[in-house]
């Protein structure tokens, strides 16, 4: 009896061929939210053995184009990938260590998609990045009491 993984089902629903590298990359993005390409490559290689950088880049591109993963790239950061797609959430980034966390739309479900002047564009996503200091960096930089 064979079982179908969630990643295999997602690939099929996007009408993408199910391959071991695609499943491994999609699983890695699900397992490591906001991972960069090197982290994803490391995770895929731990699972499959030798997989080229180009193969992982190609899979990430296909998954992004088909809406299965989202590519984000905060200022001064490498591209990162996440599996949380389609809900117009935002991110908070630590200026110290670069850690990233999800932040739901501040005003509700999608009202932040209403621009004061859309210049005729059909807006389907708003990108908001909150910058600050994470609790770990704040604690390490706090003066001793």
N, C-alpha and C. Protein backbone atom coordinates (compact mmCIF):
# COMPACT_ATOMS: atom_id res chain seq x y z
N UNK A 1 0.85 -1.18 0.00
CA UNK A 1 0.00 0.00 0.00
C UNK A 1 0.89 1.24 0.00
N UNK A 2 0.68 2.14 -0.94
CA UNK A 2 1.50 3.35 -0.98
C UNK A 2 0.71 4.53 -0.42
N UNK A 3 1.47 5.41 0.21
CA UNK A 3 0.84 6.61 0.75
C UNK A 3 1.32 7.81 -0.03
N UNK A 4 0.48 8.79 -0.17
CA UNK A 4 0.83 10.02 -0.88
C UNK A 4 1.06 11.10 0.15
N UNK A 5 2.22 11.74 0.05
CA UNK A 5 2.54 12.81 0.99
C UNK A 5 1.78 14.08 0.63
N UNK A 6 1.73 14.99 1.59
CA UNK A 6 1.09 16.28 1.34
C UNK A 6 1.79 17.03 0.22
N UNK A 7 3.12 16.93 0.18
CA UNK A 7 3.87 17.61 -0.89
C UNK A 7 3.52 17.03 -2.25
N UNK A 8 3.37 15.71 -2.33
CA UNK A 8 2.99 15.09 -3.61
C UNK A 8 1.62 15.58 -4.04
N UNK A 9 0.70 15.67 -3.11
CA UNK A 9 -0.65 16.15 -3.43
C UNK A 9 -0.62 17.60 -3.91
N UNK A 10 0.20 18.43 -3.24
CA UNK A 10 0.31 19.83 -3.67
C UNK A 10 0.88 19.92 -5.09
N UNK A 11 1.90 19.14 -5.37
CA UNK A 11 2.49 19.15 -6.72
C UNK A 11 1.46 18.73 -7.76
N UNK A 12 0.72 17.68 -7.47
CA UNK A 12 -0.30 17.21 -8.41
C UNK A 12 -1.40 18.27 -8.60
N UNK A 13 -1.80 18.92 -7.51
CA UNK A 13 -2.86 19.93 -7.62
C UNK A 13 -2.41 21.13 -8.45
N UNK A 14 -1.10 21.37 -8.50
CA UNK A 14 -0.56 22.45 -9.33
C UNK A 14 -0.21 21.94 -10.73
N UNK A 15 -0.57 20.68 -11.00
CA UNK A 15 -0.29 20.03 -12.28
C UNK A 15 1.20 19.98 -12.60
N UNK A 16 2.00 19.77 -11.53
CA UNK A 16 3.44 19.59 -11.69
C UNK A 16 3.76 18.10 -11.53
N UNK A 17 4.71 17.64 -12.29
CA UNK A 17 5.15 16.25 -12.18
C UNK A 17 5.78 16.04 -10.81
N UNK A 18 5.46 14.93 -10.19
CA UNK A 18 6.01 14.60 -8.88
C UNK A 18 7.37 13.94 -9.08
N UNK A 19 8.42 14.61 -8.59
CA UNK A 19 9.78 14.05 -8.64
C UNK A 19 10.36 14.09 -7.24
N UNK A 20 11.35 13.26 -7.00
CA UNK A 20 11.99 13.24 -5.69
C UNK A 20 12.56 14.61 -5.31
N UNK A 21 13.28 15.31 -6.22
CA UNK A 21 13.78 16.64 -5.84
C UNK A 21 12.66 17.64 -5.53
N UNK A 22 11.58 17.62 -6.29
CA UNK A 22 10.47 18.55 -6.01
C UNK A 22 9.85 18.26 -4.65
N UNK A 23 9.63 17.00 -4.35
CA UNK A 23 9.05 16.64 -3.05
C UNK A 23 10.02 17.05 -1.94
N UNK A 24 11.31 16.79 -2.11
CA UNK A 24 12.29 17.11 -1.08
C UNK A 24 12.40 18.61 -0.85
N UNK A 25 12.39 19.39 -1.93
CA UNK A 25 12.46 20.85 -1.78
C UNK A 25 11.21 21.38 -1.11
N UNK A 26 10.05 20.92 -1.54
CA UNK A 26 8.80 21.38 -0.94
C UNK A 26 8.73 21.00 0.53
N UNK A 27 9.15 19.78 0.87
CA UNK A 27 9.20 19.37 2.27
C UNK A 27 10.16 20.26 3.07
N UNK A 28 11.33 20.58 2.49
CA UNK A 28 12.31 21.42 3.18
C UNK A 28 11.75 22.81 3.46
N UNK A 29 11.04 23.37 2.50
CA UNK A 29 10.44 24.71 2.71
C UNK A 29 9.37 24.64 3.79
N UNK A 30 8.59 23.57 3.81
CA UNK A 30 7.58 23.40 4.86
C UNK A 30 8.23 23.22 6.24
N UNK A 31 9.33 22.47 6.27
CA UNK A 31 10.00 22.17 7.54
C UNK A 31 10.83 23.32 8.08
N UNK A 32 11.27 24.22 7.20
CA UNK A 32 12.16 25.32 7.59
C UNK A 32 11.65 26.64 7.02
N UNK A 33 10.60 27.22 7.63
CA UNK A 33 10.06 28.48 7.11
C UNK A 33 11.14 29.57 7.06
N UNK A 34 11.14 30.34 6.00
CA UNK A 34 12.06 31.45 5.79
C UNK A 34 13.49 31.00 5.57
N UNK A 35 13.67 29.76 5.12
CA UNK A 35 15.01 29.25 4.84
C UNK A 35 15.56 29.89 3.57
N UNK A 36 16.89 30.06 3.56
CA UNK A 36 17.52 30.54 2.33
C UNK A 36 17.87 29.33 1.45
N UNK A 37 18.36 29.61 0.27
CA UNK A 37 18.62 28.53 -0.68
C UNK A 37 19.65 27.54 -0.14
N UNK A 38 20.69 28.03 0.51
CA UNK A 38 21.72 27.12 1.05
C UNK A 38 21.14 26.18 2.10
N UNK A 39 20.25 26.69 2.94
CA UNK A 39 19.61 25.84 3.95
C UNK A 39 18.73 24.78 3.28
N UNK A 40 18.04 25.18 2.24
CA UNK A 40 17.18 24.24 1.52
C UNK A 40 18.03 23.18 0.83
N UNK A 41 19.11 23.59 0.19
CA UNK A 41 20.01 22.64 -0.47
C UNK A 41 20.55 21.64 0.55
N UNK A 42 20.96 22.12 1.70
CA UNK A 42 21.49 21.24 2.75
C UNK A 42 20.44 20.22 3.19
N UNK A 43 19.22 20.68 3.39
CA UNK A 43 18.13 19.79 3.80
C UNK A 43 17.82 18.76 2.72
N UNK A 44 17.80 19.19 1.46
CA UNK A 44 17.51 18.27 0.35
C UNK A 44 18.62 17.23 0.22
N UNK A 45 19.87 17.67 0.34
CA UNK A 45 21.00 16.74 0.23
C UNK A 45 21.01 15.74 1.38
N UNK A 46 20.60 16.17 2.58
CA UNK A 46 20.53 15.25 3.71
C UNK A 46 19.51 14.15 3.43
N UNK A 47 18.50 14.48 2.65
CA UNK A 47 17.44 13.51 2.35
C UNK A 47 17.73 12.66 1.12
N UNK A 48 18.29 13.30 0.08
CA UNK A 48 18.45 12.60 -1.21
C UNK A 48 19.88 12.28 -1.60
N UNK A 49 20.84 12.85 -0.90
CA UNK A 49 22.23 12.69 -1.33
C UNK A 49 22.62 13.83 -2.25
N UNK A 50 23.38 13.52 -3.28
CA UNK A 50 23.92 14.55 -4.16
C UNK A 50 22.85 15.13 -5.08
N UNK A 51 22.53 16.39 -4.86
CA UNK A 51 21.60 17.14 -5.71
C UNK A 51 22.30 18.46 -6.02
N UNK A 52 22.27 18.85 -7.28
CA UNK A 52 22.99 20.07 -7.67
C UNK A 52 22.27 21.33 -7.19
N UNK A 53 23.07 22.39 -7.03
CA UNK A 53 22.49 23.70 -6.70
C UNK A 53 21.46 24.08 -7.75
N UNK A 54 21.81 23.87 -9.03
CA UNK A 54 20.93 24.29 -10.11
C UNK A 54 19.60 23.55 -10.06
N UNK A 55 19.62 22.29 -9.70
CA UNK A 55 18.37 21.53 -9.60
C UNK A 55 17.45 22.13 -8.54
N UNK A 56 18.04 22.50 -7.40
CA UNK A 56 17.24 23.10 -6.33
C UNK A 56 16.73 24.47 -6.76
N UNK A 57 17.57 25.28 -7.40
CA UNK A 57 17.13 26.59 -7.91
C UNK A 57 15.98 26.42 -8.90
N UNK A 58 16.10 25.45 -9.79
CA UNK A 58 15.06 25.22 -10.79
C UNK A 58 13.74 24.80 -10.12
N UNK A 59 13.82 23.93 -9.11
CA UNK A 59 12.62 23.49 -8.40
C UNK A 59 12.00 24.66 -7.67
N UNK A 60 12.82 25.46 -6.98
CA UNK A 60 12.27 26.62 -6.26
C UNK A 60 11.58 27.58 -7.22
N UNK A 61 12.15 27.79 -8.38
CA UNK A 61 11.52 28.66 -9.38
C UNK A 61 10.17 28.11 -9.82
N UNK A 62 10.12 26.81 -10.11
CA UNK A 62 8.86 26.19 -10.53
C UNK A 62 7.81 26.25 -9.42
N UNK A 63 8.22 25.98 -8.20
CA UNK A 63 7.28 26.02 -7.08
C UNK A 63 6.77 27.43 -6.83
N UNK A 64 7.64 28.42 -6.98
CA UNK A 64 7.24 29.81 -6.80
C UNK A 64 6.28 30.25 -7.91
N UNK A 65 6.62 29.93 -9.15
CA UNK A 65 5.77 30.30 -10.29
C UNK A 65 4.38 29.67 -10.20
N UNK A 66 4.31 28.50 -9.57
CA UNK A 66 3.03 27.80 -9.46
C UNK A 66 2.32 28.05 -8.14
N UNK A 67 2.84 29.01 -7.35
CA UNK A 67 2.16 29.43 -6.13
C UNK A 67 2.23 28.45 -4.97
N UNK A 68 3.17 27.50 -5.00
CA UNK A 68 3.30 26.55 -3.90
C UNK A 68 4.23 27.05 -2.80
N UNK A 69 5.15 27.95 -3.17
CA UNK A 69 6.00 28.61 -2.19
C UNK A 69 6.06 30.09 -2.51
N UNK A 70 6.46 30.86 -1.53
CA UNK A 70 6.59 32.30 -1.70
C UNK A 70 8.05 32.67 -1.48
N UNK A 71 8.58 33.49 -2.36
CA UNK A 71 9.95 33.99 -2.25
C UNK A 71 9.89 35.38 -1.64
N UNK A 72 10.65 35.58 -0.58
CA UNK A 72 10.75 36.92 0.02
C UNK A 72 12.22 37.30 0.07
N UNK A 73 12.49 38.59 0.02
CA UNK A 73 13.87 39.03 0.10
C UNK A 73 13.93 40.39 0.79
N UNK A 74 13.98 40.35 2.14
CA UNK A 74 14.11 41.61 2.86
C UNK A 74 15.40 42.32 2.46
N UNK A 75 15.41 43.62 2.57
CA UNK A 75 16.58 44.43 2.23
C UNK A 75 17.83 43.88 2.91
N UNK A 76 18.91 43.81 2.17
CA UNK A 76 20.21 43.33 2.66
C UNK A 76 20.19 41.86 3.06
N UNK A 77 19.29 41.08 2.49
CA UNK A 77 19.19 39.66 2.81
C UNK A 77 19.17 38.86 1.53
N UNK A 78 19.57 37.61 1.63
CA UNK A 78 19.42 36.70 0.49
C UNK A 78 17.94 36.32 0.38
N UNK A 79 17.58 35.76 -0.75
CA UNK A 79 16.19 35.31 -0.93
C UNK A 79 15.89 34.20 0.05
N UNK A 80 14.66 34.20 0.53
CA UNK A 80 14.19 33.16 1.45
C UNK A 80 12.86 32.65 0.93
N UNK A 81 12.52 31.45 1.37
CA UNK A 81 11.32 30.80 0.85
C UNK A 81 10.44 30.32 2.00
N UNK A 82 9.13 30.37 1.76
CA UNK A 82 8.18 29.91 2.77
C UNK A 82 7.01 29.24 2.07
N UNK A 83 6.36 28.35 2.82
CA UNK A 83 5.22 27.61 2.28
C UNK A 83 3.90 28.30 2.57
N UNK A 84 3.89 29.30 3.41
CA UNK A 84 2.65 30.02 3.71
C UNK A 84 2.37 30.98 2.56
N UNK A 85 1.41 30.62 1.74
CA UNK A 85 1.11 31.40 0.54
C UNK A 85 -0.37 31.77 0.51
N UNK A 86 -0.67 32.84 -0.22
CA UNK A 86 -2.06 33.18 -0.51
C UNK A 86 -2.83 33.89 0.57
N UNK A 87 -2.18 34.28 1.66
CA UNK A 87 -2.95 34.92 2.73
C UNK A 87 -2.50 36.35 3.01
N UNK A 88 -1.60 36.88 2.20
CA UNK A 88 -1.13 38.26 2.32
C UNK A 88 -0.63 38.60 3.73
N UNK A 89 0.14 37.69 4.32
CA UNK A 89 0.76 38.01 5.61
C UNK A 89 2.05 38.79 5.37
N UNK A 90 2.59 39.31 6.44
CA UNK A 90 3.80 40.13 6.36
C UNK A 90 4.89 39.51 7.21
N UNK A 91 5.99 40.24 7.42
CA UNK A 91 7.13 39.70 8.16
C UNK A 91 7.74 40.74 9.09
N UNK A 92 8.34 40.24 10.16
CA UNK A 92 9.14 41.06 11.05
C UNK A 92 10.56 40.49 10.99
N UNK A 93 11.55 41.38 10.83
CA UNK A 93 12.94 40.96 10.65
C UNK A 93 13.80 41.62 11.72
N UNK A 94 14.67 40.82 12.35
CA UNK A 94 15.58 41.35 13.37
C UNK A 94 16.78 42.01 12.69
N UNK A 95 17.07 43.23 13.08
CA UNK A 95 18.23 43.94 12.53
C UNK A 95 19.54 43.34 13.03
N UNK A 96 19.50 42.63 14.15
CA UNK A 96 20.71 42.05 14.71
C UNK A 96 21.09 40.73 14.06
N UNK A 97 20.24 39.72 14.18
CA UNK A 97 20.58 38.37 13.71
C UNK A 97 19.92 38.00 12.39
N UNK A 98 18.96 38.80 11.93
CA UNK A 98 18.30 38.52 10.66
C UNK A 98 17.16 37.52 10.74
N UNK A 99 16.80 37.09 11.94
CA UNK A 99 15.69 36.14 12.04
C UNK A 99 14.41 36.78 11.52
N UNK A 100 13.53 35.93 10.98
CA UNK A 100 12.29 36.40 10.35
C UNK A 100 11.12 35.65 10.96
N UNK A 101 10.03 36.36 11.22
CA UNK A 101 8.81 35.73 11.71
C UNK A 101 7.63 36.28 10.92
N UNK A 102 6.58 35.49 10.82
CA UNK A 102 5.36 35.90 10.13
C UNK A 102 4.55 36.85 11.01
N UNK A 103 3.90 37.80 10.37
CA UNK A 103 2.99 38.74 11.03
C UNK A 103 1.72 38.79 10.18
N UNK A 104 0.59 38.54 10.79
CA UNK A 104 -0.66 38.63 10.05
C UNK A 104 -0.94 40.07 9.67
N UNK A 105 -1.75 40.27 8.64
CA UNK A 105 -2.11 41.61 8.18
C UNK A 105 -2.63 42.42 9.36
N UNK A 106 -2.09 43.59 9.55
CA UNK A 106 -2.39 44.40 10.74
C UNK A 106 -3.83 44.86 10.81
N UNK A 107 -4.52 44.91 9.67
CA UNK A 107 -5.85 45.47 9.67
C UNK A 107 -6.95 44.42 9.49
N UNK A 108 -6.58 43.20 9.28
CA UNK A 108 -7.60 42.19 9.05
C UNK A 108 -7.18 41.26 7.94
N UNK A 109 -8.17 40.74 7.22
CA UNK A 109 -7.85 39.75 6.20
C UNK A 109 -7.08 40.33 5.02
N UNK A 110 -7.66 41.24 4.28
CA UNK A 110 -6.93 41.83 3.16
C UNK A 110 -7.19 43.32 2.96
N UNK A 111 -7.69 44.06 3.96
CA UNK A 111 -7.90 45.49 3.72
C UNK A 111 -6.61 46.23 3.38
N UNK A 112 -5.46 45.67 3.78
CA UNK A 112 -4.21 46.35 3.47
C UNK A 112 -3.90 46.30 1.97
N UNK A 113 -4.75 45.64 1.19
CA UNK A 113 -4.58 45.65 -0.26
C UNK A 113 -5.24 46.85 -0.91
N UNK A 114 -5.92 47.66 -0.13
CA UNK A 114 -6.59 48.83 -0.68
C UNK A 114 -5.65 50.03 -0.60
N UNK A 115 -5.07 50.37 -1.73
CA UNK A 115 -4.14 51.51 -1.78
C UNK A 115 -4.92 52.80 -1.97
N UNK A 116 -4.36 53.90 -1.50
CA UNK A 116 -5.04 55.18 -1.68
C UNK A 116 -5.12 55.54 -3.16
N UNK A 117 -4.13 55.14 -3.95
CA UNK A 117 -4.16 55.34 -5.40
C UNK A 117 -3.47 54.14 -6.03
N UNK A 118 -4.23 53.28 -6.70
CA UNK A 118 -3.64 52.08 -7.28
C UNK A 118 -3.10 52.30 -8.69
N UNK A 119 -3.22 53.53 -9.23
CA UNK A 119 -2.71 53.88 -10.55
C UNK A 119 -3.19 52.92 -11.64
N UNK A 120 -4.37 52.32 -11.44
CA UNK A 120 -4.93 51.42 -12.42
C UNK A 120 -4.48 49.97 -12.30
N UNK A 121 -3.60 49.69 -11.35
CA UNK A 121 -3.12 48.33 -11.15
C UNK A 121 -4.19 47.48 -10.46
N UNK A 122 -4.22 46.21 -10.74
CA UNK A 122 -5.00 45.26 -9.98
C UNK A 122 -4.06 44.70 -8.92
N UNK A 123 -4.25 45.09 -7.69
CA UNK A 123 -3.34 44.72 -6.60
C UNK A 123 -3.77 43.37 -6.02
N UNK A 124 -2.80 42.43 -5.93
CA UNK A 124 -3.11 41.12 -5.35
C UNK A 124 -2.23 40.78 -4.15
N UNK A 125 -1.28 41.65 -3.82
CA UNK A 125 -0.42 41.39 -2.68
C UNK A 125 0.18 42.70 -2.19
N UNK A 126 0.31 42.83 -0.89
CA UNK A 126 1.00 43.97 -0.29
C UNK A 126 2.18 43.43 0.50
N UNK A 127 3.31 44.08 0.39
CA UNK A 127 4.50 43.63 1.11
C UNK A 127 4.86 44.64 2.18
N UNK A 128 4.75 44.19 3.41
CA UNK A 128 5.11 45.03 4.55
C UNK A 128 6.17 44.29 5.34
N UNK A 129 7.26 44.96 5.65
CA UNK A 129 8.28 44.35 6.50
C UNK A 129 8.48 45.24 7.70
N UNK A 130 8.29 44.66 8.86
CA UNK A 130 8.56 45.36 10.12
C UNK A 130 10.00 45.04 10.51
N UNK A 131 10.75 46.05 10.89
CA UNK A 131 12.14 45.86 11.30
C UNK A 131 12.27 46.16 12.78
N UNK A 132 13.10 45.42 13.47
CA UNK A 132 13.30 45.65 14.89
C UNK A 132 14.38 44.74 15.43
N UNK A 133 14.31 44.48 16.73
CA UNK A 133 15.27 43.64 17.40
C UNK A 133 14.52 42.50 18.07
N UNK A 134 14.95 41.27 17.80
CA UNK A 134 14.29 40.10 18.38
C UNK A 134 14.62 40.02 19.87
N UNK A 135 13.84 39.27 20.64
CA UNK A 135 14.10 39.16 22.08
C UNK A 135 15.50 38.65 22.41
N UNK A 136 16.02 37.70 21.63
CA UNK A 136 17.36 37.17 21.89
C UNK A 136 18.44 38.21 21.73
N UNK A 137 18.36 39.00 20.67
CA UNK A 137 19.36 40.06 20.44
C UNK A 137 19.20 41.17 21.47
N UNK A 138 17.96 41.48 21.83
CA UNK A 138 17.73 42.53 22.84
C UNK A 138 18.32 42.10 24.18
N UNK A 139 18.16 40.83 24.54
CA UNK A 139 18.69 40.34 25.82
C UNK A 139 20.21 40.34 25.83
N UNK A 140 20.82 39.98 24.69
CA UNK A 140 22.29 39.93 24.65
C UNK A 140 22.92 41.31 24.61
N UNK A 141 22.17 42.32 24.21
CA UNK A 141 22.73 43.67 24.18
C UNK A 141 22.33 44.52 25.37
N UNK A 142 21.49 43.95 26.26
CA UNK A 142 21.05 44.69 27.46
C UNK A 142 22.23 44.82 28.44
N UNK A 143 22.36 46.00 29.05
CA UNK A 143 23.44 46.16 30.03
C UNK A 143 23.20 45.28 31.25
N UNK A 144 24.27 44.80 31.87
CA UNK A 144 24.15 43.99 33.08
C UNK A 144 23.52 44.79 34.19
N UNK A 145 22.67 44.14 34.98
CA UNK A 145 22.01 44.86 36.06
C UNK A 145 22.82 44.80 37.31
